[in-house]
Amino acid sequence: MPGIFGNRFDLNHDGKMSPFEKAADRGFLRMIMKEEEKKKKEQEKNKRKK
């Protein structure tokens, strides 16, 4: 079963998502979400300054 990003994190190309591959898939998503949240907070902070 592919992960959130398809088989991008199917590192051994067996068509299955191992626990490590699933963790990498979710960790990548978590990292993206944190970066977006940080950008959003910076934009809100900059709006308040103006």
PDB file of N, CA and C in Angstrom:
ATOM      1  N   MET A   1       0.847  -1.173   0.000  1.00  0.00           N
ATOM      2  CA  MET A   1       0.000   0.000   0.000  1.00  0.00           C
ATOM      3  C   MET A   1       0.895   1.239   0.000  1.00  0.00           C
ATOM      4  N   PRO A   2       0.682   2.139  -0.946  1.00  0.00           N
ATOM      5  CA  PRO A   2       1.521   3.337  -0.993  1.00  0.00           C
ATOM      6  C   PRO A   2       1.230   4.270   0.171  1.00  0.00           C
ATOM      7  N   GLY A   3       2.226   5.069   0.502  1.00  0.00           N
ATOM      8  CA  GLY A   3       2.070   6.036   1.576  1.00  0.00           C
ATOM      9  C   GLY A   3       1.426   7.310   1.083  1.00  0.00           C
ATOM     10  N   ILE A   4       1.531   8.350   1.867  1.00  0.00           N
ATOM     11  CA  ILE A   4       0.941   9.638   1.554  1.00  0.00           C
ATOM     12  C   ILE A   4       1.485  10.187   0.236  1.00  0.00           C
ATOM     13  N   PHE A   5       2.755   9.966  -0.013  1.00  0.00           N
ATOM     14  CA  PHE A   5       3.410  10.463  -1.218  1.00  0.00           C
ATOM     15  C   PHE A   5       3.591   9.357  -2.254  1.00  0.00           C
ATOM     16  N   GLY A   6       2.693   8.424  -2.289  1.00  0.00           N
ATOM     17  CA  GLY A   6       2.798   7.307  -3.223  1.00  0.00           C
ATOM     18  C   GLY A   6       3.908   6.367  -2.779  1.00  0.00           C
ATOM     19  N   ASN A   7       4.682   5.887  -3.719  1.00  0.00           N
ATOM     20  CA  ASN A   7       5.777   4.968  -3.385  1.00  0.00           C
ATOM     21  C   ASN A   7       7.128   5.671  -3.319  1.00  0.00           C
ATOM     22  N   ARG A   8       7.115   6.981  -3.150  1.00  0.00           N
ATOM     23  CA  ARG A   8       8.362   7.749  -3.077  1.00  0.00           C
ATOM     24  C   ARG A   8       9.279   7.219  -1.967  1.00  0.00           C
ATOM     25  N   PHE A   9       8.713   6.778  -0.864  1.00  0.00           N
ATOM     26  CA  PHE A   9       9.527   6.292   0.246  1.00  0.00           C
ATOM     27  C   PHE A   9       9.608   4.771   0.305  1.00  0.00           C
ATOM     28  N   ASP A  10       9.259   4.105  -0.774  1.00  0.00           N
ATOM     29  CA  ASP A  10       9.458   2.657  -0.871  1.00  0.00           C
ATOM     30  C   ASP A  10      10.926   2.457  -1.257  1.00  0.00           C
ATOM     31  N   LEU A  11      11.780   2.564  -0.260  1.00  0.00           N
ATOM     32  CA  LEU A  11      13.217   2.640  -0.497  1.00  0.00           C
ATOM     33  C   LEU A  11      13.818   1.365  -1.069  1.00  0.00           C
ATOM     34  N   ASN A  12      13.249   0.221  -0.742  1.00  0.00           N
ATOM     35  CA  ASN A  12      13.794  -1.030  -1.278  1.00  0.00           C
ATOM     36  C   ASN A  12      13.008  -1.524  -2.500  1.00  0.00           C
ATOM     37  N   HIS A  13      12.039  -0.742  -2.956  1.00  0.00           N
ATOM     38  CA  HIS A  13      11.274  -1.007  -4.184  1.00  0.00           C
ATOM     39  C   HIS A  13      10.612  -2.391  -4.213  1.00  0.00           C
ATOM     40  N   ASP A  14      10.088  -2.807  -3.064  1.00  0.00           N
ATOM     41  CA  ASP A  14       9.398  -4.094  -3.024  1.00  0.00           C
ATOM     42  C   ASP A  14       7.883  -3.948  -3.157  1.00  0.00           C
ATOM     43  N   GLY A  15       7.407  -2.714  -3.280  1.00  0.00           N
ATOM     44  CA  GLY A  15       5.977  -2.478  -3.416  1.00  0.00           C
ATOM     45  C   GLY A  15       5.240  -2.422  -2.098  1.00  0.00           C
ATOM     46  N   LYS A  16       5.938  -2.605  -0.993  1.00  0.00           N
ATOM     47  CA  LYS A  16       5.333  -2.573   0.337  1.00  0.00           C
ATOM     48  C   LYS A  16       6.015  -1.481   1.149  1.00  0.00           C
ATOM     49  N   MET A  17       5.288  -0.920   2.095  1.00  0.00           N
ATOM     50  CA  MET A  17       5.856   0.103   2.964  1.00  0.00           C
ATOM     51  C   MET A  17       6.221  -0.539   4.303  1.00  0.00           C
ATOM     52  N   SER A  18       7.515  -0.619   4.576  1.00  0.00           N
ATOM     53  CA  SER A  18       7.974  -1.152   5.861  1.00  0.00           C
ATOM     54  C   SER A  18       7.727  -0.089   6.933  1.00  0.00           C
ATOM     55  N   PRO A  19       7.811  -0.449   8.202  1.00  0.00           N
ATOM     56  CA  PRO A  19       7.631   0.554   9.263  1.00  0.00           C
ATOM     57  C   PRO A  19       8.592   1.744   9.119  1.00  0.00           C
ATOM     58  N   PHE A  20       9.832   1.481   8.741  1.00  0.00           N
ATOM     59  CA  PHE A  20      10.791   2.571   8.547  1.00  0.00           C
ATOM     60  C   PHE A  20      10.364   3.481   7.406  1.00  0.00           C
ATOM     61  N   GLU A  21       9.902   2.895   6.312  1.00  0.00           N
ATOM     62  CA  GLU A  21       9.474   3.676   5.154  1.00  0.00           C
ATOM     63  C   GLU A  21       8.228   4.500   5.479  1.00  0.00           C
ATOM     64  N   LYS A  22       7.319   3.929   6.258  1.00  0.00           N
ATOM     65  CA  LYS A  22       6.135   4.668   6.686  1.00  0.00           C
ATOM     66  C   LYS A  22       6.530   5.837   7.577  1.00  0.00           C
ATOM     67  N   ALA A  23       7.489   5.604   8.464  1.00  0.00           N
ATOM     68  CA  ALA A  23       7.952   6.672   9.350  1.00  0.00           C
ATOM     69  C   ALA A  23       8.616   7.787   8.547  1.00  0.00           C
ATOM     70  N   ALA A  24       9.390   7.434   7.540  1.00  0.00           N
ATOM     71  CA  ALA A  24      10.033   8.440   6.686  1.00  0.00           C
ATOM     72  C   ALA A  24       8.969   9.248   5.945  1.00  0.00           C
ATOM     73  N   ASP A  25       7.947   8.584   5.448  1.00  0.00           N
ATOM     74  CA  ASP A  25       6.847   9.225   4.731  1.00  0.00           C
ATOM     75  C   ASP A  25       6.150  10.240   5.644  1.00  0.00           C
ATOM     76  N   ARG A  26       5.806   9.815   6.832  1.00  0.00           N
ATOM     77  CA  ARG A  26       5.096  10.694   7.770  1.00  0.00           C
ATOM     78  C   ARG A  26       6.012  11.783   8.320  1.00  0.00           C
ATOM     79  N   GLY A  27       7.271  11.448   8.538  1.00  0.00           N
ATOM     80  CA  GLY A  27       8.229  12.442   9.017  1.00  0.00           C
ATOM     81  C   GLY A  27       8.425  13.562   8.007  1.00  0.00           C
ATOM     82  N   PHE A  28       8.455  13.213   6.741  1.00  0.00           N
ATOM     83  CA  PHE A  28       8.598  14.212   5.686  1.00  0.00           C
ATOM     84  C   PHE A  28       7.384  15.131   5.672  1.00  0.00           C
ATOM     85  N   LEU A  29       6.200  14.563   5.791  1.00  0.00           N
ATOM     86  CA  LEU A  29       4.980  15.359   5.840  1.00  0.00           C
ATOM     87  C   LEU A  29       5.006  16.284   7.057  1.00  0.00           C
ATOM     88  N   ARG A  30       5.412  15.768   8.199  1.00  0.00           N
ATOM     89  CA  ARG A  30       5.488  16.563   9.426  1.00  0.00           C
ATOM     90  C   ARG A  30       6.452  17.736   9.252  1.00  0.00           C
ATOM     91  N   MET A  31       7.594  17.487   8.600  1.00  0.00           N
ATOM     92  CA  MET A  31       8.575  18.536   8.364  1.00  0.00           C
ATOM     93  C   MET A  31       7.985  19.633   7.473  1.00  0.00           C
ATOM     94  N   ILE A  32       7.276  19.236   6.422  1.00  0.00           N
ATOM     95  CA  ILE A  32       6.658  20.215   5.527  1.00  0.00           C
ATOM     96  C   ILE A  32       5.628  21.050   6.286  1.00  0.00           C
ATOM     97  N   MET A  33       4.829  20.396   7.106  1.00  0.00           N
ATOM     98  CA  MET A  33       3.792  21.104   7.853  1.00  0.00           C
ATOM     99  C   MET A  33       4.403  22.100   8.834  1.00  0.00           C
ATOM    100  N   LYS A  34       5.500  21.728   9.494  1.00  0.00           N
ATOM    101  CA  LYS A  34       6.164  22.640  10.425  1.00  0.00           C
ATOM    102  C   LYS A  34       6.714  23.854   9.695  1.00  0.00           C
ATOM    103  N   GLU A  35       7.297  23.644   8.522  1.00  0.00           N
ATOM    104  CA  GLU A  35       7.837  24.755   7.735  1.00  0.00           C
ATOM    105  C   GLU A  35       6.720  25.704   7.305  1.00  0.00           C
ATOM    106  N   GLU A  36       5.594  25.151   6.886  1.00  0.00           N
ATOM    107  CA  GLU A  36       4.462  25.980   6.468  1.00  0.00           C
ATOM    108  C   GLU A  36       3.912  26.776   7.650  1.00  0.00           C
ATOM    109  N   GLU A  37       3.831  26.150   8.807  1.00  0.00           N
ATOM    110  CA  GLU A  37       3.347  26.841  10.006  1.00  0.00           C
ATOM    111  C   GLU A  37       4.294  27.977  10.383  1.00  0.00           C
ATOM    112  N   LYS A  38       5.584  27.743  10.265  1.00  0.00           N
ATOM    113  CA  LYS A  38       6.574  28.776  10.565  1.00  0.00           C
ATOM    114  C   LYS A  38       6.429  29.952   9.608  1.00  0.00           C
ATOM    115  N   LYS A  39       6.253  29.668   8.315  1.00  0.00           N
ATOM    116  CA  LYS A  39       6.059  30.729   7.317  1.00  0.00           C
ATOM    117  C   LYS A  39       4.797  31.529   7.630  1.00  0.00           C
ATOM    118  N   LYS A  40       3.744  30.826   8.004  1.00  0.00           N
ATOM    119  CA  LYS A  40       2.477  31.487   8.305  1.00  0.00           C
ATOM    120  C   LYS A  40       2.638  32.423   9.507  1.00  0.00           C
ATOM    121  N   LYS A  41       3.328  31.971  10.543  1.00  0.00           N
ATOM    122  CA  LYS A  41       3.544  32.806  11.724  1.00  0.00           C
ATOM    123  C   LYS A  41       4.385  34.029  11.384  1.00  0.00           C
ATOM    124  N   GLU A  42       5.393  33.854  10.536  1.00  0.00           N
ATOM    125  CA  GLU A  42       6.228  34.981  10.130  1.00  0.00           C
ATOM    126  C   GLU A  42       5.418  35.995   9.331  1.00  0.00           C
ATOM    127  N   GLN A  43       4.534  35.524   8.464  1.00  0.00           N
ATOM    128  CA  GLN A  43       3.694  36.425   7.676  1.00  0.00           C
ATOM    129  C   GLN A  43       2.743  37.204   8.573  1.00  0.00           C
ATOM    130  N   GLU A  44       2.169  36.530   9.562  1.00  0.00           N
ATOM    131  CA  GLU A  44       1.265  37.209  10.497  1.00  0.00           C
ATOM    132  C   GLU A  44       2.027  38.239  11.314  1.00  0.00           C
ATOM    133  N   LYS A  45       3.229  37.904  11.724  1.00  0.00           N
ATOM    134  CA  LYS A  45       4.059  38.824  12.499  1.00  0.00           C
ATOM    135  C   LYS A  45       4.401  40.055  11.665  1.00  0.00           C
ATOM    136  N   ASN A  46       4.735  39.844  10.382  1.00  0.00           N
ATOM    137  CA  ASN A  46       5.060  40.953   9.504  1.00  0.00           C
ATOM    138  C   ASN A  46       3.847  41.840   9.227  1.00  0.00           C
ATOM    139  N   LYS A  47       2.642  41.251   9.163  1.00  0.00           N
ATOM    140  CA  LYS A  47       1.421  42.022   8.958  1.00  0.00           C
ATOM    141  C   LYS A  47       1.189  42.960  10.138  1.00  0.00           C
ATOM    142  N   ARG A  48       1.453  42.479  11.337  1.00  0.00           N
ATOM    143  CA  ARG A  48       1.235  43.289  12.545  1.00  0.00           C
ATOM    144  C   ARG A  48       2.195  44.464  12.614  1.00  0.00           C
ATOM    145  N   LYS A  49       3.388  44.294  12.075  1.00  0.00           N
ATOM    146  CA  LYS A  49       4.385  45.358  12.095  1.00  0.00           C
ATOM    147  C   LYS A  49       4.001  46.524  11.189  1.00  0.00           C
ATOM    148  N   LYS A  50       3.275  46.230  10.110  1.00  0.00           N
ATOM    149  CA  LYS A  50       2.927  47.277   9.130  1.00  0.00           C
ATOM    150  C   LYS A  50       1.786  48.125   9.570  1.00  0.00           C
TER     151      LYS A  50
END
